[in-house]
């Protein structure tokens, strides 16, 4: 583990303390989890963006053209 010194406005620190207490965890754990969630979200967005850039409309339409044009079964309707 590494140590990070962080300066926060007093009001934010108080909010963090309250939320962490409600969650039953320490402020350090709360901040670590929040940072991990943000990094995961950004990583997922980057991954999906790269996947989207590899795709093409032509390939999508080609694959879609192979799907039979039939009415959905009763269990698949709204």
N, C-alpha and C. Protein backbone atom coordinates (compact mmCIF):
# COMPACT_ATOMS: atom_id res chain seq x y z
N UNK A 1 0.84 -1.18 0.00
CA UNK A 1 0.00 0.00 0.00
C UNK A 1 0.88 1.23 0.00
N UNK A 2 0.32 2.29 -0.57
CA UNK A 2 1.03 3.56 -0.53
C UNK A 2 0.18 4.58 0.23
N UNK A 3 0.83 5.65 0.59
CA UNK A 3 0.16 6.69 1.37
C UNK A 3 -0.03 7.90 0.47
N UNK A 4 -1.21 8.50 0.56
CA UNK A 4 -1.53 9.67 -0.23
C UNK A 4 -2.08 10.74 0.70
N UNK A 5 -1.44 11.89 0.68
CA UNK A 5 -1.91 13.01 1.48
C UNK A 5 -2.88 13.80 0.62
N UNK A 6 -4.07 14.06 1.16
CA UNK A 6 -5.12 14.68 0.37
C UNK A 6 -5.74 15.83 1.15
N UNK A 7 -5.86 16.98 0.52
CA UNK A 7 -6.49 18.13 1.15
C UNK A 7 -7.91 18.25 0.61
N UNK A 8 -8.87 18.32 1.52
CA UNK A 8 -10.28 18.41 1.16
C UNK A 8 -10.92 19.59 1.87
N UNK A 9 -11.91 20.18 1.23
CA UNK A 9 -12.68 21.20 1.96
C UNK A 9 -13.34 20.54 3.18
N UNK A 10 -13.45 21.31 4.24
CA UNK A 10 -13.99 20.77 5.49
C UNK A 10 -15.39 20.18 5.29
N UNK A 11 -16.22 20.85 4.49
CA UNK A 11 -17.59 20.36 4.27
C UNK A 11 -17.59 19.00 3.57
N UNK A 12 -16.70 18.82 2.61
CA UNK A 12 -16.63 17.53 1.91
C UNK A 12 -16.12 16.44 2.85
N UNK A 13 -15.15 16.77 3.67
CA UNK A 13 -14.62 15.81 4.63
C UNK A 13 -15.71 15.35 5.59
N UNK A 14 -16.52 16.29 6.04
CA UNK A 14 -17.62 15.94 6.95
C UNK A 14 -18.63 15.04 6.26
N UNK A 15 -18.95 15.34 4.99
CA UNK A 15 -19.88 14.49 4.23
C UNK A 15 -19.30 13.09 4.05
N UNK A 16 -18.02 13.02 3.73
CA UNK A 16 -17.37 11.72 3.57
C UNK A 16 -17.44 10.91 4.86
N UNK A 17 -17.17 11.57 5.96
CA UNK A 17 -17.21 10.90 7.26
C UNK A 17 -18.60 10.36 7.55
N UNK A 18 -19.62 11.17 7.27
CA UNK A 18 -21.01 10.73 7.52
C UNK A 18 -21.39 9.54 6.64
N UNK A 19 -21.09 9.63 5.37
CA UNK A 19 -21.45 8.54 4.44
C UNK A 19 -20.68 7.28 4.78
N UNK A 20 -19.40 7.41 5.08
CA UNK A 20 -18.60 6.24 5.43
C UNK A 20 -19.15 5.58 6.70
N UNK A 21 -19.54 6.40 7.66
CA UNK A 21 -20.10 5.86 8.91
C UNK A 21 -21.41 5.11 8.62
N UNK A 22 -22.25 5.68 7.75
CA UNK A 22 -23.50 5.02 7.38
C UNK A 22 -23.23 3.67 6.70
N UNK A 23 -22.15 3.61 5.93
CA UNK A 23 -21.78 2.38 5.22
C UNK A 23 -21.04 1.40 6.13
N UNK A 24 -20.64 1.87 7.29
CA UNK A 24 -19.92 1.01 8.22
C UNK A 24 -18.47 0.76 7.85
N UNK A 25 -17.87 1.75 7.16
CA UNK A 25 -16.47 1.63 6.76
C UNK A 25 -15.74 2.91 7.13
N UNK A 26 -14.42 2.86 7.03
CA UNK A 26 -13.62 4.04 7.33
C UNK A 26 -13.64 5.01 6.15
N UNK A 27 -13.27 6.25 6.42
CA UNK A 27 -13.17 7.25 5.35
C UNK A 27 -12.14 6.79 4.32
N UNK A 28 -11.04 6.22 4.78
CA UNK A 28 -10.01 5.72 3.86
C UNK A 28 -10.59 4.66 2.93
N UNK A 29 -11.33 3.71 3.49
CA UNK A 29 -11.94 2.66 2.66
C UNK A 29 -12.92 3.27 1.68
N UNK A 30 -13.72 4.23 2.13
CA UNK A 30 -14.70 4.86 1.26
C UNK A 30 -14.02 5.54 0.08
N UNK A 31 -12.97 6.30 0.35
CA UNK A 31 -12.25 7.00 -0.71
C UNK A 31 -11.59 6.00 -1.65
N UNK A 32 -11.02 4.92 -1.10
CA UNK A 32 -10.39 3.90 -1.94
C UNK A 32 -11.42 3.26 -2.87
N UNK A 33 -12.60 2.93 -2.32
CA UNK A 33 -13.65 2.33 -3.14
C UNK A 33 -14.16 3.29 -4.20
N UNK A 34 -14.31 4.56 -3.84
CA UNK A 34 -14.78 5.56 -4.80
C UNK A 34 -13.76 5.72 -5.94
N UNK A 35 -12.49 5.75 -5.60
CA UNK A 35 -11.45 5.86 -6.62
C UNK A 35 -11.43 4.62 -7.51
N UNK A 36 -11.58 3.44 -6.91
CA UNK A 36 -11.59 2.20 -7.69
C UNK A 36 -12.78 2.16 -8.64
N UNK A 37 -13.95 2.61 -8.17
CA UNK A 37 -15.14 2.65 -9.03
C UNK A 37 -14.93 3.60 -10.20
N UNK A 38 -14.34 4.76 -9.95
CA UNK A 38 -14.11 5.73 -11.01
C UNK A 38 -13.13 5.19 -12.04
N UNK A 39 -12.05 4.57 -11.58
CA UNK A 39 -11.06 4.00 -12.50
C UNK A 39 -11.70 2.88 -13.33
N UNK A 40 -12.53 2.05 -12.69
CA UNK A 40 -13.20 0.97 -13.42
C UNK A 40 -14.15 1.53 -14.46
N UNK A 41 -14.88 2.58 -14.11
CA UNK A 41 -15.82 3.18 -15.07
C UNK A 41 -15.09 3.78 -16.26
N UNK A 42 -14.00 4.48 -16.00
CA UNK A 42 -13.22 5.06 -17.10
C UNK A 42 -12.59 3.98 -17.96
N UNK A 43 -12.11 2.91 -17.34
CA UNK A 43 -11.52 1.80 -18.09
C UNK A 43 -12.57 1.13 -18.96
N UNK A 44 -13.76 0.94 -18.43
CA UNK A 44 -14.84 0.31 -19.19
C UNK A 44 -15.22 1.19 -20.37
N UNK A 45 -15.32 2.49 -20.16
CA UNK A 45 -15.66 3.41 -21.24
C UNK A 45 -14.60 3.34 -22.34
N UNK A 46 -13.33 3.36 -21.94
CA UNK A 46 -12.23 3.29 -22.91
C UNK A 46 -12.28 1.98 -23.70
N UNK A 47 -12.54 0.87 -23.00
CA UNK A 47 -12.64 -0.43 -23.65
C UNK A 47 -13.77 -0.45 -24.66
N UNK A 48 -14.95 0.06 -24.26
CA UNK A 48 -16.10 0.06 -25.16
C UNK A 48 -15.88 0.99 -26.36
N UNK A 49 -15.20 2.09 -26.12
CA UNK A 49 -14.90 3.01 -27.21
C UNK A 49 -13.98 2.35 -28.23
N UNK A 50 -12.96 1.62 -27.75
CA UNK A 50 -12.06 0.90 -28.67
C UNK A 50 -12.81 -0.17 -29.45
N UNK A 51 -13.70 -0.90 -28.76
CA UNK A 51 -14.51 -1.93 -29.45
C UNK A 51 -15.39 -1.30 -30.51
N UNK A 52 -16.00 -0.16 -30.18
CA UNK A 52 -16.89 0.51 -31.13
C UNK A 52 -16.11 0.97 -32.37
N UNK A 53 -14.90 1.41 -32.18
CA UNK A 53 -14.09 1.87 -33.30
C UNK A 53 -13.69 0.73 -34.24
N UNK A 54 -13.68 -0.49 -33.72
CA UNK A 54 -13.34 -1.66 -34.57
C UNK A 54 -14.53 -2.11 -35.41
N UNK A 55 -15.72 -1.72 -35.01
CA UNK A 55 -16.92 -2.16 -35.71
C UNK A 55 -17.17 -1.34 -36.97
N UNK A 56 -18.07 -1.86 -37.80
CA UNK A 56 -18.45 -1.11 -39.00
C UNK A 56 -19.93 -1.32 -39.27
N UNK A 57 -20.54 -0.32 -39.83
CA UNK A 57 -21.97 -0.41 -40.16
C UNK A 57 -22.21 -1.50 -41.20
N UNK A 58 -21.31 -1.62 -42.15
CA UNK A 58 -21.46 -2.63 -43.20
C UNK A 58 -21.48 -4.03 -42.60
N UNK A 59 -20.57 -4.32 -41.70
CA UNK A 59 -20.52 -5.64 -41.06
C UNK A 59 -21.79 -5.88 -40.25
N UNK A 60 -22.24 -4.86 -39.53
CA UNK A 60 -23.46 -4.98 -38.74
C UNK A 60 -24.64 -5.32 -39.65
N UNK A 61 -24.79 -4.59 -40.75
CA UNK A 61 -25.90 -4.84 -41.66
C UNK A 61 -25.80 -6.21 -42.31
N UNK A 62 -24.59 -6.65 -42.60
CA UNK A 62 -24.38 -7.98 -43.18
C UNK A 62 -24.85 -9.07 -42.21
N UNK A 63 -24.48 -8.93 -40.95
CA UNK A 63 -24.89 -9.92 -39.94
C UNK A 63 -26.39 -9.83 -39.71
N UNK A 64 -26.92 -8.62 -39.65
CA UNK A 64 -28.35 -8.43 -39.43
C UNK A 64 -29.18 -9.04 -40.57
N UNK A 65 -28.65 -9.01 -41.77
CA UNK A 65 -29.38 -9.56 -42.92
C UNK A 65 -29.56 -11.07 -42.82
N UNK A 66 -28.78 -11.73 -41.99
CA UNK A 66 -28.86 -13.18 -41.82
C UNK A 66 -29.91 -13.59 -40.80
N UNK A 67 -30.47 -12.62 -40.08
CA UNK A 67 -31.49 -12.91 -39.07
C UNK A 67 -32.82 -13.10 -39.78
N UNK A 68 -33.52 -14.20 -39.50
CA UNK A 68 -34.80 -14.42 -40.18
C UNK A 68 -35.84 -13.37 -39.80
N UNK A 69 -36.66 -12.99 -40.77
CA UNK A 69 -37.69 -11.99 -40.57
C UNK A 69 -38.99 -12.69 -40.15
N UNK A 70 -39.08 -12.98 -38.87
CA UNK A 70 -40.27 -13.67 -38.33
C UNK A 70 -40.78 -12.93 -37.12
N UNK A 71 -42.02 -13.11 -36.80
CA UNK A 71 -42.61 -12.52 -35.60
C UNK A 71 -42.00 -13.18 -34.36
N UNK A 72 -41.79 -12.42 -33.29
CA UNK A 72 -41.25 -13.02 -32.07
C UNK A 72 -42.27 -13.97 -31.44
N UNK A 73 -41.73 -14.91 -30.67
CA UNK A 73 -42.61 -15.82 -29.93
C UNK A 73 -43.35 -15.02 -28.87
N UNK A 74 -44.46 -15.55 -28.41
CA UNK A 74 -45.30 -14.83 -27.44
C UNK A 74 -44.52 -14.44 -26.17
N UNK A 75 -43.60 -15.31 -25.75
CA UNK A 75 -42.83 -15.02 -24.53
C UNK A 75 -41.80 -13.91 -24.73
N UNK A 76 -41.55 -13.51 -25.99
CA UNK A 76 -40.58 -12.46 -26.28
C UNK A 76 -41.22 -11.13 -26.65
N UNK A 77 -42.51 -11.00 -26.42
CA UNK A 77 -43.17 -9.73 -26.72
C UNK A 77 -43.48 -8.99 -25.44
N UNK A 78 -43.69 -7.72 -25.60
CA UNK A 78 -44.04 -6.89 -24.43
C UNK A 78 -45.53 -6.80 -24.27
